[in-house]
Amino acid sequence: MEIRWKIEEIVFETLRESEVWADSLANEFHGRTIDGYITPDFKIAYTLLFFLASNHTFRVYAEECLMNDLCVYKVWVAFLSD
């Protein structure tokens, strides 16, 4: 399965801003327009994981890694119904 990644470099100052952003991203996962998200903002990754984990139609994965000497967070899903 090829993962359709969405990569963004935005970093928010507050957890609340990240929560609003991650909620809209979760809709993209539910709508199956993306399978994965890469961000340098741990707050977005954290809240996105929280939103996605409440859905039982897919398994959620996360990873912290280096990309171009920058620490990034990857969040992706595998759909269980496929």
PDB file of N, CA and C in Angstrom:
ATOM      1  N   MET A   1       0.836  -1.173   0.000  1.00  0.00           N
ATOM      2  CA  MET A   1       0.000   0.000   0.000  1.00  0.00           C
ATOM      3  C   MET A   1       0.887   1.245   0.000  1.00  0.00           C
ATOM      4  N   GLU A   2       0.647   2.100  -0.937  1.00  0.00           N
ATOM      5  CA  GLU A   2       1.376   3.362  -1.014  1.00  0.00           C
ATOM      6  C   GLU A   2       0.669   4.402  -0.155  1.00  0.00           C
ATOM      7  N   ILE A   3       1.419   5.078   0.695  1.00  0.00           N
ATOM      8  CA  ILE A   3       0.837   6.085   1.588  1.00  0.00           C
ATOM      9  C   ILE A   3       0.809   7.432   0.867  1.00  0.00           C
ATOM     10  N   ARG A   4      -0.357   8.077   0.884  1.00  0.00           N
ATOM     11  CA  ARG A   4      -0.493   9.424   0.332  1.00  0.00           C
ATOM     12  C   ARG A   4      -0.222  10.403   1.467  1.00  0.00           C
ATOM     13  N   TRP A   5       0.978  10.984   1.457  1.00  0.00           N
ATOM     14  CA  TRP A   5       1.423  11.876   2.523  1.00  0.00           C
ATOM     15  C   TRP A   5       1.014  13.313   2.249  1.00  0.00           C
ATOM     16  N   LYS A   6       0.707  14.016   3.307  1.00  0.00           N
ATOM     17  CA  LYS A   6       0.550  15.464   3.269  1.00  0.00           C
ATOM     18  C   LYS A   6       1.661  16.007   4.166  1.00  0.00           C
ATOM     19  N   ILE A   7       2.497  16.873   3.616  1.00  0.00           N
ATOM     20  CA  ILE A   7       3.645  17.418   4.350  1.00  0.00           C
ATOM     21  C   ILE A   7       3.442  18.913   4.519  1.00  0.00           C
ATOM     22  N   GLU A   8       3.546  19.387   5.742  1.00  0.00           N
ATOM     23  CA  GLU A   8       3.425  20.809   6.017  1.00  0.00           C
ATOM     24  C   GLU A   8       4.467  21.214   7.051  1.00  0.00           C
ATOM     25  N   GLU A   9       4.871  22.460   7.004  1.00  0.00           N
ATOM     26  CA  GLU A   9       5.912  22.963   7.898  1.00  0.00           C
ATOM     27  C   GLU A   9       5.381  23.906   8.964  1.00  0.00           C
ATOM     28  N   ILE A  10       4.078  24.022   9.080  1.00  0.00           N
ATOM     29  CA  ILE A  10       3.478  24.951  10.029  1.00  0.00           C
ATOM     30  C   ILE A  10       3.720  24.489  11.469  1.00  0.00           C
ATOM     31  N   VAL A  11       3.997  25.443  12.346  1.00  0.00           N
ATOM     32  CA  VAL A  11       4.169  25.170  13.778  1.00  0.00           C
ATOM     33  C   VAL A  11       3.322  26.181  14.538  1.00  0.00           C
ATOM     34  N   PHE A  12       2.446  25.678  15.390  1.00  0.00           N
ATOM     35  CA  PHE A  12       1.563  26.545  16.154  1.00  0.00           C
ATOM     36  C   PHE A  12       2.146  26.849  17.526  1.00  0.00           C
ATOM     37  N   GLU A  13       1.713  27.955  18.114  1.00  0.00           N
ATOM     38  CA  GLU A  13       2.184  28.337  19.436  1.00  0.00           C
ATOM     39  C   GLU A  13       1.423  27.626  20.544  1.00  0.00           C
ATOM     40  N   THR A  14       0.146  27.309  20.315  1.00  0.00           N
ATOM     41  CA  THR A  14      -0.661  26.731  21.388  1.00  0.00           C
ATOM     42  C   THR A  14      -1.223  25.376  20.990  1.00  0.00           C
ATOM     43  N   LEU A  15      -1.542  24.602  22.002  1.00  0.00           N
ATOM     44  CA  LEU A  15      -2.171  23.303  21.780  1.00  0.00           C
ATOM     45  C   LEU A  15      -3.569  23.478  21.196  1.00  0.00           C
ATOM     46  N   ARG A  16      -4.260  24.530  21.569  1.00  0.00           N
ATOM     47  CA  ARG A  16      -5.609  24.777  21.048  1.00  0.00           C
ATOM     48  C   ARG A  16      -5.583  25.023  19.543  1.00  0.00           C
ATOM     49  N   GLU A  17      -4.629  25.807  19.061  1.00  0.00           N
ATOM     50  CA  GLU A  17      -4.497  26.031  17.617  1.00  0.00           C
ATOM     51  C   GLU A  17      -4.218  24.711  16.897  1.00  0.00           C
ATOM     52  N   SER A  18      -3.361  23.907  17.493  1.00  0.00           N
ATOM     53  CA  SER A  18      -3.032  22.607  16.917  1.00  0.00           C
ATOM     54  C   SER A  18      -4.239  21.683  16.904  1.00  0.00           C
ATOM     55  N   GLU A  19      -5.056  21.770  17.934  1.00  0.00           N
ATOM     56  CA  GLU A  19      -6.252  20.934  18.014  1.00  0.00           C
ATOM     57  C   GLU A  19      -7.232  21.264  16.885  1.00  0.00           C
ATOM     58  N   VAL A  20      -7.447  22.536  16.622  1.00  0.00           N
ATOM     59  CA  VAL A  20      -8.346  22.945  15.539  1.00  0.00           C
ATOM     60  C   VAL A  20      -7.792  22.464  14.195  1.00  0.00           C
ATOM     61  N   TRP A  21      -6.491  22.619  14.010  1.00  0.00           N
ATOM     62  CA  TRP A  21      -5.842  22.189  12.773  1.00  0.00           C
ATOM     63  C   TRP A  21      -5.946  20.671  12.607  1.00  0.00           C
ATOM     64  N   ALA A  22      -5.636  19.930  13.667  1.00  0.00           N
ATOM     65  CA  ALA A  22      -5.656  18.472  13.602  1.00  0.00           C
ATOM     66  C   ALA A  22      -7.069  17.938  13.373  1.00  0.00           C
ATOM     67  N   ASP A  23      -8.074  18.620  13.893  1.00  0.00           N
ATOM     68  CA  ASP A  23      -9.458  18.199  13.677  1.00  0.00           C
ATOM     69  C   ASP A  23      -9.794  18.246  12.185  1.00  0.00           C
ATOM     70  N   SER A  24      -9.352  19.283  11.502  1.00  0.00           N
ATOM     71  CA  SER A  24      -9.610  19.360  10.060  1.00  0.00           C
ATOM     72  C   SER A  24      -8.801  18.301   9.303  1.00  0.00           C
ATOM     73  N   LEU A  25      -7.594  18.009   9.784  1.00  0.00           N
ATOM     74  CA  LEU A  25      -6.789  16.952   9.159  1.00  0.00           C
ATOM     75  C   LEU A  25      -7.437  15.588   9.343  1.00  0.00           C
ATOM     76  N   ALA A  26      -8.004  15.342  10.503  1.00  0.00           N
ATOM     77  CA  ALA A  26      -8.671  14.061  10.760  1.00  0.00           C
ATOM     78  C   ALA A  26      -9.784  13.837   9.748  1.00  0.00           C
ATOM     79  N   ASN A  27     -10.475  14.897   9.364  1.00  0.00           N
ATOM     80  CA  ASN A  27     -11.522  14.770   8.345  1.00  0.00           C
ATOM     81  C   ASN A  27     -10.952  14.315   7.008  1.00  0.00           C
ATOM     82  N   GLU A  28      -9.750  14.751   6.686  1.00  0.00           N
ATOM     83  CA  GLU A  28      -9.115  14.305   5.442  1.00  0.00           C
ATOM     84  C   GLU A  28      -8.779  12.816   5.502  1.00  0.00           C
ATOM     85  N   PHE A  29      -8.391  12.328   6.675  1.00  0.00           N
ATOM     86  CA  PHE A  29      -8.147  10.897   6.845  1.00  0.00           C
ATOM     87  C   PHE A  29      -9.451  10.116   6.715  1.00  0.00           C
ATOM     88  N   HIS A  30     -10.495  10.607   7.378  1.00  0.00           N
ATOM     89  CA  HIS A  30     -11.795   9.926   7.318  1.00  0.00           C
ATOM     90  C   HIS A  30     -12.350   9.928   5.893  1.00  0.00           C
ATOM     91  N   GLY A  31     -12.104  11.009   5.160  1.00  0.00           N
ATOM     92  CA  GLY A  31     -12.542  11.092   3.775  1.00  0.00           C
ATOM     93  C   GLY A  31     -11.622  10.373   2.806  1.00  0.00           C
ATOM     94  N   ARG A  32     -10.535   9.810   3.321  1.00  0.00           N
ATOM     95  CA  ARG A  32      -9.556   9.036   2.555  1.00  0.00           C
ATOM     96  C   ARG A  32      -8.869   9.836   1.452  1.00  0.00           C
ATOM     97  N   THR A  33      -8.691  11.136   1.696  1.00  0.00           N
ATOM     98  CA  THR A  33      -7.925  11.929   0.731  1.00  0.00           C
ATOM     99  C   THR A  33      -6.432  11.859   1.022  1.00  0.00           C
ATOM    100  N   ILE A  34      -6.076  11.554   2.290  1.00  0.00           N
ATOM    101  CA  ILE A  34      -4.679  11.326   2.665  1.00  0.00           C
ATOM    102  C   ILE A  34      -4.615  10.122   3.590  1.00  0.00           C
ATOM    103  N   ASP A  35      -3.436   9.498   3.632  1.00  0.00           N
ATOM    104  CA  ASP A  35      -3.189   8.367   4.528  1.00  0.00           C
ATOM    105  C   ASP A  35      -2.174   8.722   5.601  1.00  0.00           C
ATOM    106  N   GLY A  36      -1.407   9.797   5.369  1.00  0.00           N
ATOM    107  CA  GLY A  36      -0.351  10.154   6.303  1.00  0.00           C
ATOM    108  C   GLY A  36      -0.084  11.637   6.328  1.00  0.00           C
ATOM    109  N   TYR A  37       0.486  12.082   7.425  1.00  0.00           N
ATOM    110  CA  TYR A  37       0.781  13.499   7.626  1.00  0.00           C
ATOM    111  C   TYR A  37       2.157  13.626   8.259  1.00  0.00           C
ATOM    112  N   ILE A  38       2.954  14.565   7.753  1.00  0.00           N
ATOM    113  CA  ILE A  38       4.295  14.818   8.284  1.00  0.00           C
ATOM    114  C   ILE A  38       4.358  16.274   8.718  1.00  0.00           C
ATOM    115  N   THR A  39       4.811  16.497   9.968  1.00  0.00           N
ATOM    116  CA  THR A  39       4.865  17.840  10.532  1.00  0.00           C
ATOM    117  C   THR A  39       6.052  17.976  11.484  1.00  0.00           C
ATOM    118  N   PRO A  40       6.625  19.164  11.586  1.00  0.00           N
ATOM    119  CA  PRO A  40       7.656  19.392  12.595  1.00  0.00           C
ATOM    120  C   PRO A  40       7.046  19.758  13.959  1.00  0.00           C
ATOM    121  N   ASP A  41       5.730  19.928  14.023  1.00  0.00           N
ATOM    122  CA  ASP A  41       5.048  20.365  15.246  1.00  0.00           C
ATOM    123  C   ASP A  41       4.501  19.165  16.016  1.00  0.00           C
ATOM    124  N   PHE A  42       5.111  18.865  17.158  1.00  0.00           N
ATOM    125  CA  PHE A  42       4.666  17.721  17.946  1.00  0.00           C
ATOM    126  C   PHE A  42       3.242  17.904  18.455  1.00  0.00           C
ATOM    127  N   LYS A  43       2.799  19.146  18.617  1.00  0.00           N
ATOM    128  CA  LYS A  43       1.434  19.396  19.108  1.00  0.00           C
ATOM    129  C   LYS A  43       0.393  18.946  18.087  1.00  0.00           C
ATOM    130  N   ILE A  44       0.670  19.182  16.810  1.00  0.00           N
ATOM    131  CA  ILE A  44      -0.245  18.722  15.767  1.00  0.00           C
ATOM    132  C   ILE A  44      -0.265  17.200  15.732  1.00  0.00           C
ATOM    133  N   ALA A  45       0.902  16.582  15.764  1.00  0.00           N
ATOM    134  CA  ALA A  45       0.977  15.122  15.734  1.00  0.00           C
ATOM    135  C   ALA A  45       0.250  14.513  16.929  1.00  0.00           C
ATOM    136  N   TYR A  46       0.446  15.072  18.097  1.00  0.00           N
ATOM    137  CA  TYR A  46      -0.182  14.583  19.323  1.00  0.00           C
ATOM    138  C   TYR A  46      -1.707  14.634  19.226  1.00  0.00           C
ATOM    139  N   THR A  47      -2.241  15.779  18.831  1.00  0.00           N
ATOM    140  CA  THR A  47      -3.692  15.913  18.782  1.00  0.00           C
ATOM    141  C   THR A  47      -4.283  15.120  17.620  1.00  0.00           C
ATOM    142  N   LEU A  48      -3.566  15.029  16.512  1.00  0.00           N
ATOM    143  CA  LEU A  48      -4.045  14.220  15.397  1.00  0.00           C
ATOM    144  C   LEU A  48      -4.130  12.752  15.796  1.00  0.00           C
ATOM    145  N   LEU A  49      -3.130  12.262  16.506  1.00  0.00           N
ATOM    146  CA  LEU A  49      -3.181  10.881  17.003  1.00  0.00           C
ATOM    147  C   LEU A  49      -4.400  10.659  17.897  1.00  0.00           C
ATOM    148  N   PHE A  50      -4.677  11.604  18.744  1.00  0.00           N
ATOM    149  CA  PHE A  50      -5.835  11.509  19.643  1.00  0.00           C
ATOM    150  C   PHE A  50      -7.131  11.405  18.843  1.00  0.00           C
ATOM    151  N   PHE A  51      -7.306  12.276  17.850  1.00  0.00           N
ATOM    152  CA  PHE A  51      -8.523  12.244  17.037  1.00  0.00           C
ATOM    153  C   PHE A  51      -8.646  10.953  16.240  1.00  0.00           C
ATOM    154  N   LEU A  52      -7.559  10.493  15.643  1.00  0.00           N
ATOM    155  CA  LEU A  52      -7.609   9.301  14.798  1.00  0.00           C
ATOM    156  C   LEU A  52      -7.788   8.015  15.597  1.00  0.00           C
ATOM    157  N   ALA A  53      -7.259   7.977  16.803  1.00  0.00           N
ATOM    158  CA  ALA A  53      -7.342   6.757  17.615  1.00  0.00           C
ATOM    159  C   ALA A  53      -8.765   6.424  18.031  1.00  0.00           C
ATOM    160  N   SER A  54      -9.663   7.387  17.968  1.00  0.00           N
ATOM    161  CA  SER A  54     -11.050   7.127  18.361  1.00  0.00           C
ATOM    162  C   SER A  54     -11.844   6.423  17.268  1.00  0.00           C
ATOM    163  N   ASN A  55     -11.261   6.268  16.086  1.00  0.00           N
ATOM    164  CA  ASN A  55     -11.942   5.607  14.978  1.00  0.00           C
ATOM    165  C   ASN A  55     -11.442   4.170  14.866  1.00  0.00           C
ATOM    166  N   HIS A  56     -12.367   3.229  14.836  1.00  0.00           N
ATOM    167  CA  HIS A  56     -11.985   1.811  14.822  1.00  0.00           C
ATOM    168  C   HIS A  56     -11.935   1.215  13.417  1.00  0.00           C
ATOM    169  N   THR A  57     -12.041   2.045  12.375  1.00  0.00           N
ATOM    170  CA  THR A  57     -11.979   1.524  11.014  1.00  0.00           C
ATOM    171  C   THR A  57     -10.562   1.519  10.448  1.00  0.00           C
ATOM    172  N   PHE A  58      -9.627   2.073  11.192  1.00  0.00           N
ATOM    173  CA  PHE A  58      -8.235   2.006  10.764  1.00  0.00           C
ATOM    174  C   PHE A  58      -7.301   1.945  11.968  1.00  0.00           C
ATOM    175  N   ARG A  59      -6.096   1.453  11.696  1.00  0.00           N
ATOM    176  CA  ARG A  59      -5.042   1.382  12.710  1.00  0.00           C
ATOM    177  C   ARG A  59      -4.134   2.599  12.516  1.00  0.00           C
ATOM    178  N   VAL A  60      -3.774   3.234  13.628  1.00  0.00           N
ATOM    179  CA  VAL A  60      -2.995   4.472  13.584  1.00  0.00           C
ATOM    180  C   VAL A  60      -1.542   4.190  13.973  1.00  0.00           C
ATOM    181  N   TYR A  61      -0.620   4.795  13.241  1.00  0.00           N
ATOM    182  CA  TYR A  61       0.808   4.645  13.498  1.00  0.00           C
ATOM    183  C   TYR A  61       1.441   6.028  13.631  1.00  0.00           C
ATOM    184  N   ALA A  62       2.543   6.085  14.352  1.00  0.00           N
ATOM    185  CA  ALA A  62       3.280   7.344  14.511  1.00  0.00           C
ATOM    186  C   ALA A  62       4.766   7.051  14.624  1.00  0.00           C
ATOM    187  N   GLU A  63       5.545   8.035  14.192  1.00  0.00           N
ATOM    188  CA  GLU A  63       6.992   7.883  14.231  1.00  0.00           C
ATOM    189  C   GLU A  63       7.640   9.263  14.313  1.00  0.00           C
ATOM    190  N   GLU A  64       8.676   9.352  15.101  1.00  0.00           N
ATOM    191  CA  GLU A  64       9.509  10.552  15.148  1.00  0.00           C
ATOM    192  C   GLU A  64      10.785  10.230  14.384  1.00  0.00           C
ATOM    193  N   CYS A  65      11.168  11.087  13.436  1.00  0.00           N
ATOM    194  CA  CYS A  65      12.361  10.786  12.652  1.00  0.00           C
ATOM    195  C   CYS A  65      13.025  12.073  12.180  1.00  0.00           C
ATOM    196  N   LEU A  66      14.218  11.925  11.631  1.00  0.00           N
ATOM    197  CA  LEU A  66      14.953  13.050  11.059  1.00  0.00           C
ATOM    198  C   LEU A  66      14.700  13.104   9.570  1.00  0.00           C
ATOM    199  N   MET A  67      14.391  14.301   9.089  1.00  0.00           N
ATOM    200  CA  MET A  67      14.192  14.505   7.659  1.00  0.00           C
ATOM    201  C   MET A  67      14.909  15.805   7.303  1.00  0.00           C
ATOM    202  N   ASN A  68      15.954  15.710   6.503  1.00  0.00           N
ATOM    203  CA  ASN A  68      16.776  16.883   6.157  1.00  0.00           C
ATOM    204  C   ASN A  68      17.299  17.584   7.412  1.00  0.00           C
ATOM    205  N   ASP A  69      17.810  16.805   8.344  1.00  0.00           N
ATOM    206  CA  ASP A  69      18.370  17.294   9.611  1.00  0.00           C
ATOM    207  C   ASP A  69      17.357  18.020  10.488  1.00  0.00           C
ATOM    208  N   LEU A  70      16.079  17.759  10.286  1.00  0.00           N
ATOM    209  CA  LEU A  70      15.003  18.355  11.075  1.00  0.00           C
ATOM    210  C   LEU A  70      14.171  17.233  11.688  1.00  0.00           C
ATOM    211  N   CYS A  71      13.860  17.354  12.955  1.00  0.00           N
ATOM    212  CA  CYS A  71      13.017  16.362  13.619  1.00  0.00           C
ATOM    213  C   CYS A  71      11.576  16.576  13.162  1.00  0.00           C
ATOM    214  N   VAL A  72      10.969  15.532  12.599  1.00  0.00           N
ATOM    215  CA  VAL A  72       9.583  15.602  12.156  1.00  0.00           C
ATOM    216  C   VAL A  72       8.802  14.437  12.758  1.00  0.00           C
ATOM    217  N   TYR A  73       7.506  14.582  12.738  1.00  0.00           N
ATOM    218  CA  TYR A  73       6.601  13.566  13.261  1.00  0.00           C
ATOM    219  C   TYR A  73       5.707  13.084  12.132  1.00  0.00           C
ATOM    220  N   LYS A  74       5.648  11.771  11.975  1.00  0.00           N
ATOM    221  CA  LYS A  74       4.814  11.163  10.948  1.00  0.00           C
ATOM    222  C   LYS A  74       3.638  10.470  11.629  1.00  0.00           C
ATOM    223  N   VAL A  75       2.456  10.705  11.111  1.00  0.00           N
ATOM    224  CA  VAL A  75       1.251  10.024  11.577  1.00  0.00           C
ATOM    225  C   VAL A  75       0.594   9.447  10.333  1.00  0.00           C
ATOM    226  N   TRP A  76       0.284   8.132  10.364  1.00  0.00           N
ATOM    227  CA  TRP A  76      -0.374   7.529   9.224  1.00  0.00           C
ATOM    228  C   TRP A  76      -1.325   6.445   9.688  1.00  0.00           C
ATOM    229  N   VAL A  77      -2.187   6.023   8.757  1.00  0.00           N
ATOM    230  CA  VAL A  77      -3.201   5.030   9.086  1.00  0.00           C
ATOM    231  C   VAL A  77      -3.177   3.895   8.062  1.00  0.00           C
ATOM    232  N   ALA A  78      -3.649   2.751   8.509  1.00  0.00           N
ATOM    233  CA  ALA A  78      -3.899   1.608   7.627  1.00  0.00           C
ATOM    234  C   ALA A  78      -5.371   1.259   7.815  1.00  0.00           C
ATOM    235  N   PHE A  79      -6.123   1.280   6.730  1.00  0.00           N
ATOM    236  CA  PHE A  79      -7.558   1.016   6.815  1.00  0.00           C
ATOM    237  C   PHE A  79      -7.798  -0.471   6.997  1.00  0.00           C
ATOM    238  N   LEU A  80      -8.594  -0.818   7.992  1.00  0.00           N
ATOM    239  CA  LEU A  80      -8.873  -2.214   8.313  1.00  0.00           C
ATOM    240  C   LEU A  80      -9.945  -2.812   7.425  1.00  0.00           C
ATOM    241  N   SER A  81     -10.769  -1.995   6.790  1.00  0.00           N
ATOM    242  CA  SER A  81     -11.861  -2.496   5.972  1.00  0.00           C
ATOM    243  C   SER A  81     -11.429  -2.835   4.550  1.00  0.00           C
ATOM    244  N   ASP A  82     -10.198  -2.503   4.179  1.00  0.00           N
ATOM    245  CA  ASP A  82      -9.726  -2.769   2.812  1.00  0.00           C
ATOM    246  C   ASP A  82      -9.222  -4.186   2.677  1.00  0.00           C
TER     247      ASP A  82
END
